[in-house]
Amino acid sequence: MKELPISETYEQELLYMPYKKSLAQVLETICAQAPVNGTLLDLMCGPGYLLGQIAEKRKDLHLLGVDSDARYVDFSKAKYPGIDFEVGDILAWKPKELFDVVICTGSVHHIPYEKQDEAVARIASMVKPGGFCIISDCHIDDYSNEQERKLAAAKLGYEYLRATIANGAPEDVVAATIDILHNDVMMDEFKTSVERRMPVYQKYFSEVELSKTWPDTDSQYGDYYVVCKGALTTTK
């Protein structure tokens, strides 16, 4: 697997890739539903772009970002000094408190398939009673064997690349998008279908509201986010 892009390129990706539509919807939901003076945790926060956007629009919220990549944490601390950031692995990091809102955007697919259930369980365990979480991710068409999975990953990656180029992305972002296609097909990253992921959400939350943000077609593949409430697990 090629190393994830540097922080500056990662942030640029969010301006040109279709995924920016999901981030906009996540931001809107947080601004509308997060309690006043509430606490918010962003797991696998990357270079902190979304937390920076949240901080601008909801100055009352107490924000914490956690990522396993020290490069992103160092970048985030320098760029967003008013937000707390820590290095931590979603499968091992333990919070000191529960949070009103927990988010994990565009990241669960970085976790091996056999550990994605555990990751969602841990997300659920960090939400206060009465709180909610938002998980967004990119999904491929459903599949029944490895060849179908590769074809589905190639399909999503190609359409993502086309859309990113059409949005006028610079060369480093185009190159990073090509890397995503490679990583998905070769199973260095682990995108799955909505059909396979939804039962996991429903296993750990009593309320799961699914929305699609891209593409604007009836296709299965694309970008989705879920708003989850009523956490059913106490796993730490």
Protein backbone atom coordinates (compact mmCIF):
# COMPACT_ATOMS: atom_id res chain seq x y z
CA MET A 1 0.00 0.00 0.00
CA LYS A 2 1.27 3.45 -0.88
CA GLU A 3 1.58 5.80 2.08
CA LEU A 4 -1.37 8.12 2.57
CA PRO A 5 -0.76 11.56 1.05
CA ILE A 6 0.92 14.40 2.91
CA SER A 7 -1.37 16.66 4.92
CA GLU A 8 -1.46 19.46 2.36
CA THR A 9 -2.46 17.10 -0.47
CA TYR A 10 -5.02 15.39 1.78
CA GLU A 11 -6.70 18.73 2.45
CA GLN A 12 -6.66 19.57 -1.25
CA GLU A 13 -8.38 16.27 -2.01
CA LEU A 14 -11.33 17.36 0.09
CA LEU A 15 -11.86 20.35 -2.21
CA TYR A 16 -12.00 18.39 -5.47
CA MET A 17 -13.19 14.85 -4.77
CA PRO A 18 -16.93 14.06 -4.78
CA TYR A 19 -16.55 13.28 -1.08
CA LYS A 20 -16.72 17.01 -0.32
CA LYS A 21 -20.51 16.72 -0.64
CA SER A 22 -20.63 14.23 2.24
CA LEU A 23 -18.47 16.47 4.41
CA ALA A 24 -20.80 19.39 3.72
CA GLN A 25 -23.80 17.33 4.83
CA VAL A 26 -22.01 16.08 7.93
CA LEU A 27 -21.09 19.65 8.84
CA GLU A 28 -24.68 20.82 8.34
CA THR A 29 -26.03 18.01 10.53
CA ILE A 30 -23.58 18.75 13.33
CA CYS A 31 -24.37 22.46 13.27
CA ALA A 32 -28.09 21.71 13.47
CA GLN A 33 -28.10 18.89 16.04
CA ALA A 34 -25.07 19.17 18.33
CA PRO A 35 -26.09 20.45 21.78
CA VAL A 36 -24.93 23.88 22.89
CA ASN A 37 -21.53 23.68 24.59
CA GLY A 38 -21.41 20.00 23.73
CA THR A 39 -18.40 17.77 23.21
CA LEU A 40 -17.44 16.30 19.84
CA LEU A 41 -14.90 13.61 18.98
CA ASP A 42 -13.57 13.10 15.46
CA LEU A 43 -12.02 9.64 15.13
CA MET A 44 -9.53 9.13 12.30
CA CYS A 45 -9.65 12.88 11.79
CA GLY A 46 -6.87 13.11 9.20
CA PRO A 47 -5.35 16.61 8.90
CA GLY A 48 -8.25 18.18 10.81
CA TYR A 49 -10.07 19.86 7.93
CA LEU A 50 -13.61 19.01 9.09
CA LEU A 51 -12.88 19.97 12.69
CA GLY A 52 -11.61 23.32 11.44
CA GLN A 53 -14.90 23.84 9.60
CA ILE A 54 -16.90 22.85 12.68
CA ALA A 55 -14.90 25.23 14.87
CA GLU A 56 -15.75 28.13 12.57
CA LYS A 57 -19.48 27.48 12.62
CA ARG A 58 -19.97 26.13 16.16
CA LYS A 59 -17.54 28.00 18.39
CA ASP A 60 -19.35 26.69 21.48
CA LEU A 61 -18.37 23.06 20.90
CA HIS A 62 -15.44 21.40 22.64
CA LEU A 63 -13.58 19.49 19.91
CA LEU A 64 -11.10 16.61 19.98
CA GLY A 65 -9.49 14.94 16.98
CA VAL A 66 -7.74 11.56 17.09
CA ASP A 67 -5.70 9.99 14.29
CA SER A 68 -3.09 7.24 14.15
CA ASP A 69 -0.87 9.20 11.72
CA ALA A 70 1.43 11.53 13.66
CA ARG A 71 1.99 13.62 10.51
CA TYR A 72 -1.67 14.57 10.42
CA VAL A 73 -1.83 15.27 14.15
CA ASP A 74 1.23 17.54 14.01
CA PHE A 75 -0.21 19.37 10.99
CA SER A 76 -3.58 19.76 12.71
CA LYS A 77 -2.09 21.12 15.92
CA ALA A 78 -0.19 23.76 13.98
CA LYS A 79 -3.09 24.78 11.73
CA TYR A 80 -5.91 24.60 14.29
CA PRO A 81 -4.36 25.61 17.65
CA GLY A 82 -7.77 26.07 19.26
CA ILE A 83 -8.65 22.39 18.83
CA ASP A 84 -7.25 19.44 20.78
CA PHE A 85 -5.61 16.61 18.83
CA GLU A 86 -4.11 13.29 19.92
CA VAL A 87 -2.35 10.39 18.25
CA GLY A 88 -4.41 7.23 18.68
CA ASP A 89 -5.62 4.09 16.91
CA ILE A 90 -9.39 3.74 16.76
CA LEU A 91 -9.07 0.07 17.77
CA ALA A 92 -6.98 0.81 20.87
CA TRP A 93 -7.44 4.44 21.93
CA LYS A 94 -9.50 4.92 25.09
CA PRO A 95 -11.34 8.17 25.77
CA LYS A 96 -11.31 9.82 29.18
CA GLU A 97 -15.00 10.68 28.80
CA LEU A 98 -18.00 10.05 26.59
CA PHE A 99 -19.02 12.58 23.94
CA ASP A 100 -22.26 14.20 22.82
CA VAL A 101 -21.24 13.69 19.20
CA VAL A 102 -18.78 11.20 17.68
CA ILE A 103 -17.90 11.38 14.00
CA CYS A 104 -15.79 9.21 11.72
CA THR A 105 -15.71 10.45 8.14
CA GLY A 106 -14.31 8.64 5.11
CA SER A 107 -12.18 6.38 7.26
CA VAL A 108 -13.71 3.03 8.20
CA HIS A 109 -12.57 1.64 4.84
CA HIS A 110 -8.96 2.03 6.00
CA ILE A 111 -9.62 -0.70 8.57
CA PRO A 112 -9.37 -4.38 7.48
CA TYR A 113 -12.74 -6.00 6.80
CA GLU A 114 -12.50 -8.35 9.78
CA LYS A 115 -12.03 -5.41 12.18
CA GLN A 116 -14.64 -2.98 10.85
CA ASP A 117 -17.33 -4.42 13.14
CA GLU A 118 -15.06 -3.78 16.13
CA ALA A 119 -14.40 -0.22 14.94
CA VAL A 120 -18.12 0.58 14.76
CA ALA A 121 -18.63 -0.98 18.19
CA ARG A 122 -15.91 1.25 19.63
CA ILE A 123 -17.45 4.33 18.01
CA ALA A 124 -20.79 3.46 19.60
CA SER A 125 -19.16 2.97 22.99
CA MET A 126 -17.87 6.56 23.01
CA VAL A 127 -21.27 8.25 22.59
CA LYS A 128 -23.08 9.67 25.61
CA PRO A 129 -26.61 8.43 26.30
CA GLY A 130 -28.83 10.71 24.22
CA GLY A 131 -25.95 11.63 21.92
CA PHE A 132 -25.39 10.64 18.32
CA CYS A 133 -22.69 9.71 15.88
CA ILE A 134 -22.15 10.28 12.18
CA ILE A 135 -20.20 7.84 10.06
CA SER A 136 -19.60 8.60 6.40
CA ASP A 137 -17.84 6.38 3.91
CA CYS A 138 -17.39 5.49 0.25
CA HIS A 139 -19.07 2.27 -0.82
CA ILE A 140 -18.76 -0.08 -3.76
CA ASP A 141 -21.42 -2.22 -5.43
CA ASP A 142 -22.27 -5.40 -3.57
CA TYR A 143 -20.25 -8.50 -4.47
CA SER A 144 -20.21 -12.25 -3.85
CA ASN A 145 -16.60 -13.16 -4.61
CA GLU A 146 -13.15 -11.61 -4.92
CA GLN A 147 -13.35 -10.97 -8.64
CA GLU A 148 -16.64 -9.12 -8.22
CA ARG A 149 -15.13 -7.11 -5.36
CA LYS A 150 -12.18 -6.04 -7.54
CA LEU A 151 -14.48 -5.07 -10.39
CA ALA A 152 -16.71 -3.08 -8.03
CA ALA A 153 -13.68 -1.31 -6.55
CA ALA A 154 -12.36 -0.50 -10.02
CA LYS A 155 -15.74 0.92 -11.02
CA LEU A 156 -15.92 3.24 -8.01
CA GLY A 157 -12.29 4.27 -8.39
CA TYR A 158 -12.69 5.12 -12.07
CA GLU A 159 -15.81 7.22 -11.49
CA TYR A 160 -14.11 8.96 -8.56
CA LEU A 161 -11.10 9.76 -10.74
CA ARG A 162 -13.28 11.10 -13.55
CA ALA A 163 -15.23 13.34 -11.17
CA THR A 164 -12.06 14.63 -9.50
CA ILE A 165 -10.46 15.52 -12.83
CA ALA A 166 -13.70 17.18 -13.99
CA ASN A 167 -13.65 19.30 -10.83
CA GLY A 168 -10.31 20.76 -11.94
CA ALA A 169 -8.06 18.99 -9.44
CA PRO A 170 -4.31 19.75 -9.51
CA GLU A 171 -1.84 17.04 -10.46
CA ASP A 172 -1.01 15.93 -6.90
CA VAL A 173 -4.70 15.36 -6.14
CA VAL A 174 -5.20 13.45 -9.41
CA ALA A 175 -2.22 11.26 -8.53
CA ALA A 176 -3.61 10.64 -5.03
CA THR A 177 -6.97 9.66 -6.53
CA ILE A 178 -5.24 7.15 -8.81
CA ASP A 179 -3.55 5.71 -5.71
CA ILE A 180 -6.96 5.26 -4.10
CA LEU A 181 -8.14 3.19 -7.07
CA HIS A 182 -5.02 1.03 -6.83
CA ASN A 183 -5.35 0.53 -3.07
CA ASP A 184 -9.03 -0.42 -3.32
CA VAL A 185 -8.59 -2.95 -6.11
CA MET A 186 -5.54 -4.56 -4.52
CA MET A 187 -7.28 -4.61 -1.10
CA ASP A 188 -4.76 -2.33 0.58
CA GLU A 189 -7.87 -0.43 1.58
CA PHE A 190 -11.15 -2.11 2.39
CA LYS A 191 -14.22 -0.49 0.89
CA THR A 192 -17.36 -2.58 1.10
CA SER A 193 -20.99 -2.27 0.03
CA VAL A 194 -23.82 -0.54 1.85
CA GLU A 195 -25.58 -3.90 2.02
CA ARG A 196 -22.72 -5.34 4.06
CA ARG A 197 -22.16 -2.28 6.25
CA MET A 198 -25.74 -1.45 7.28
CA PRO A 199 -26.22 -4.59 9.44
CA VAL A 200 -23.12 -3.57 11.39
CA TYR A 201 -24.55 -0.12 12.13
CA GLN A 202 -27.87 -1.68 13.12
CA LYS A 203 -26.07 -4.08 15.44
CA TYR A 204 -24.76 -1.23 17.59
CA PHE A 205 -27.42 1.51 17.23
CA SER A 206 -31.19 1.40 17.56
CA GLU A 207 -31.68 4.26 15.05
CA VAL A 208 -29.74 4.45 11.78
CA GLU A 209 -30.60 7.03 9.11
CA LEU A 210 -28.78 6.52 5.80
CA SER A 211 -28.28 9.23 3.17
CA LYS A 212 -26.44 9.19 -0.16
CA THR A 213 -24.56 12.25 -1.39
CA TRP A 214 -22.85 11.09 -4.63
CA PRO A 215 -23.48 10.25 -7.41
CA ASP A 216 -26.98 11.52 -8.06
CA THR A 217 -28.11 8.24 -9.64
CA ASP A 218 -29.75 5.00 -8.56
CA SER A 219 -26.37 3.26 -8.44
CA GLN A 220 -25.33 1.32 -5.36
CA TYR A 221 -21.78 2.65 -5.32
CA GLY A 222 -20.95 6.11 -4.04
CA ASP A 223 -20.65 8.28 -0.95
CA TYR A 224 -23.01 7.83 1.99
CA TYR A 225 -23.34 9.00 5.57
CA VAL A 226 -25.37 7.65 8.47
CA VAL A 227 -26.67 9.42 11.55
CA CYS A 228 -26.77 6.85 14.35
CA LYS A 229 -28.56 7.17 17.69
CA GLY A 230 -29.34 4.89 20.59
CA ALA A 231 -25.98 3.18 21.05
CA LEU A 232 -26.50 -0.46 22.07
CA THR A 233 -22.97 -1.35 23.18
CA THR A 234 -20.81 -0.59 26.20
CA THR A 235 -17.64 -2.01 24.65
CA LYS A 236 -14.56 0.06 25.53
